[in-house]
C-alpha atoms as a PDB file:
ATOM      1  CA  UNK A   1     145.762 102.448 106.294  1.00  0.00           C
ATOM      2  CA  UNK A   2     145.448  98.761 105.408  1.00  0.00           C
ATOM      3  CA  UNK A   3     143.695  98.061 108.702  1.00  0.00           C
ATOM      4  CA  UNK A   4     141.141 100.830 108.049  1.00  0.00           C
ATOM      5  CA  UNK A   5     140.516  99.447 104.570  1.00  0.00           C
ATOM      6  CA  UNK A   6     139.860  95.951 105.908  1.00  0.00           C
ATOM      7  CA  UNK A   7     137.666  97.310 108.670  1.00  0.00           C
ATOM      8  CA  UNK A   8     135.668  99.374 106.182  1.00  0.00           C
ATOM      9  CA  UNK A   9     135.285  96.339 103.909  1.00  0.00           C
ATOM     10  CA  UNK A  10     134.039  94.202 106.799  1.00  0.00           C
ATOM     11  CA  UNK A  11     131.523  96.856 107.821  1.00  0.00           C
ATOM     12  CA  UNK A  12     130.267  97.126 104.241  1.00  0.00           C
ATOM     13  CA  UNK A  13     130.003  93.331 104.016  1.00  0.00           C
ATOM     14  CA  UNK A  14     127.910  93.273 107.182  1.00  0.00           C
ATOM     15  CA  UNK A  15     125.663  96.038 105.849  1.00  0.00           C
ATOM     16  CA  UNK A  16     125.278  94.225 102.522  1.00  0.00           C
ATOM     17  CA  UNK A  17     124.309  90.997 104.298  1.00  0.00           C
ATOM     18  CA  UNK A  18     121.797  92.906 106.424  1.00  0.00           C
ATOM     19  CA  UNK A  19     120.050  94.359 103.366  1.00  0.00           C
ATOM     20  CA  UNK A  20     120.223  91.009 101.588  1.00  0.00           C
ATOM     21  CA  UNK A  21     118.468  89.416 104.561  1.00  0.00           C
ATOM     22  CA  UNK A  22     115.803  92.159 104.543  1.00  0.00           C
ATOM     23  CA  UNK A  23     115.290  91.649 100.804  1.00  0.00           C
ATOM     24  CA  UNK A  24     114.997  87.869 101.184  1.00  0.00           C
ATOM     25  CA  UNK A  25     112.595  88.160 104.109  1.00  0.00           C
ATOM     26  CA  UNK A  26     110.375  90.564 102.169  1.00  0.00           C
ATOM     27  CA  UNK A  27     110.319  88.130  99.240  1.00  0.00           C
ATOM     28  CA  UNK A  28     109.323  85.256 101.534  1.00  0.00           C
ATOM     29  CA  UNK A  29     106.572  87.379 103.096  1.00  0.00           C
ATOM     30  CA  UNK A  30     105.220  88.211  99.627  1.00  0.00           C
ATOM     31  CA  UNK A  31     105.101  84.555  98.601  1.00  0.00           C
ATOM     32  CA  UNK A  32     103.471  83.629 101.907  1.00  0.00           C
ATOM     33  CA  UNK A  33     100.821  86.308 101.392  1.00  0.00           C
ATOM     34  CA  UNK A  34      99.989  85.052  97.902  1.00  0.00           C
ATOM     35  CA  UNK A  35      99.854  81.429  99.054  1.00  0.00           C
ATOM     36  CA  UNK A  36      97.523  82.436 101.896  1.00  0.00           C
ATOM     37  CA  UNK A  37      95.355  84.429  99.509  1.00  0.00           C
ATOM     38  CA  UNK A  38      95.187  81.481  97.111  1.00  0.00           C
ATOM     39  CA  UNK A  39      94.233  79.099  99.926  1.00  0.00           C
ATOM     40  CA  UNK A  40      91.575  81.549 101.144  1.00  0.00           C
ATOM     41  CA  UNK A  41      90.103  81.741  97.645  1.00  0.00           C
ATOM     42  CA  UNK A  42      90.204  77.969  97.142  1.00  0.00           C
ATOM     43  CA  UNK A  43      88.504  77.250 100.483  1.00  0.00           C
ATOM     44  CA  UNK A  44      85.986  80.023  99.765  1.00  0.00           C
ATOM     45  CA  UNK A  45      86.927  81.924 102.912  1.00  0.00           C
ATOM     46  CA  UNK A  46      86.889  84.939 100.629  1.00  0.00           C
ATOM     47  CA  UNK A  47      83.674  85.174  98.662  1.00  0.00           C
ATOM     48  CA  UNK A  48      84.824  86.453  95.272  1.00  0.00           C
ATOM     49  CA  UNK A  49      81.200  87.000  94.185  1.00  0.00           C
ATOM     50  CA  UNK A  50      80.692  89.511  97.009  1.00  0.00           C
ATOM     51  CA  UNK A  51      81.863  92.960  95.920  1.00  0.00           C
ATOM     52  CA  UNK A  52      82.682  94.027  99.490  1.00  0.00           C
ATOM     53  CA  UNK A  53      85.004  91.061 100.038  1.00  0.00           C
ATOM     54  CA  UNK A  54      86.734  91.636  96.734  1.00  0.00           C
ATOM     55  CA  UNK A  55      87.139  95.362  97.438  1.00  0.00           C
ATOM     56  CA  UNK A  56      88.647  94.727 100.880  1.00  0.00           C
ATOM     57  CA  UNK A  57      91.030  92.086  99.523  1.00  0.00           C
ATOM     58  CA  UNK A  58      92.009  94.366  96.632  1.00  0.00           C
ATOM     59  CA  UNK A  59      92.746  97.329  98.918  1.00  0.00           C
ATOM     60  CA  UNK A  60      94.766  95.209 101.344  1.00  0.00           C
ATOM     61  CA  UNK A  61      96.668  93.543  98.493  1.00  0.00           C
ATOM     62  CA  UNK A  62      97.475  96.851  96.792  1.00  0.00           C
ATOM     63  CA  UNK A  63      98.651  98.381 100.065  1.00  0.00           C
ATOM     64  CA  UNK A  64     100.716  95.311 100.922  1.00  0.00           C
ATOM     65  CA  UNK A  65     102.293  95.090  97.471  1.00  0.00           C
ATOM     66  CA  UNK A  66     103.055  98.808  97.420  1.00  0.00           C
ATOM     67  CA  UNK A  67     104.815  98.746 100.770  1.00  0.00           C
ATOM     68  CA  UNK A  68     106.715  95.554  99.971  1.00  0.00           C
ATOM     69  CA  UNK A  69     107.678  96.814  96.518  1.00  0.00           C
ATOM     70  CA  UNK A  70     108.986 100.124  97.814  1.00  0.00           C
ATOM     71  CA  UNK A  71     110.964  98.371 100.542  1.00  0.00           C
ATOM     72  CA  UNK A  72     112.451  95.879  98.095  1.00  0.00           C
ATOM     73  CA  UNK A  73     113.509  98.674  95.735  1.00  0.00           C
ATOM     74  CA  UNK A  74     115.185 100.543  98.600  1.00  0.00           C
ATOM     75  CA  UNK A  75     116.978  97.415  99.805  1.00  0.00           C
ATOM     76  CA  UNK A  76     118.163  96.644  96.276  1.00  0.00           C
ATOM     77  CA  UNK A  77     119.394 100.219  95.812  1.00  0.00           C
ATOM     78  CA  UNK A  78     121.309 100.149  99.088  1.00  0.00           C
ATOM     79  CA  UNK A  79     122.860  96.810  98.132  1.00  0.00           C
ATOM     80  CA  UNK A  80     123.988  98.216  94.777  1.00  0.00           C
ATOM     81  CA  UNK A  81     125.469 101.279  96.492  1.00  0.00           C
ATOM     82  CA  UNK A  82     127.424  99.033  98.843  1.00  0.00           C
ATOM     83  CA  UNK A  83     128.777  97.014  95.907  1.00  0.00           C
ATOM     84  CA  UNK A  84     129.935 100.229  94.219  1.00  0.00           C
ATOM     85  CA  UNK A  85     131.541 101.396  97.443  1.00  0.00           C
ATOM     86  CA  UNK A  86     133.313  98.029  97.861  1.00  0.00           C
ATOM     87  CA  UNK A  87     134.681  98.250  94.328  1.00  0.00           C
ATOM     88  CA  UNK A  88     136.108 101.694  95.112  1.00  0.00           C
ATOM     89  CA  UNK A  89     138.073 100.393  98.111  1.00  0.00           C
END
């Protein structure tokens, strides 16, 4: 029984680290996107006076933020579930 408990704990630790890595990578990708967007605006690669450019950037940004936000919430939820499961061992 003790061996199964340790094995289960190790598996949960590995799963937790996996979701933590996913969460961290998503955060880094978000910051990279915003830095790239800021650089594009500062170098005038995106013409913020042109409504078409602004609309395209807005749609892409909303889609990107939505996907990243949903993923981050799922990763965080799975991490919290693993912590609860570890406490119950």
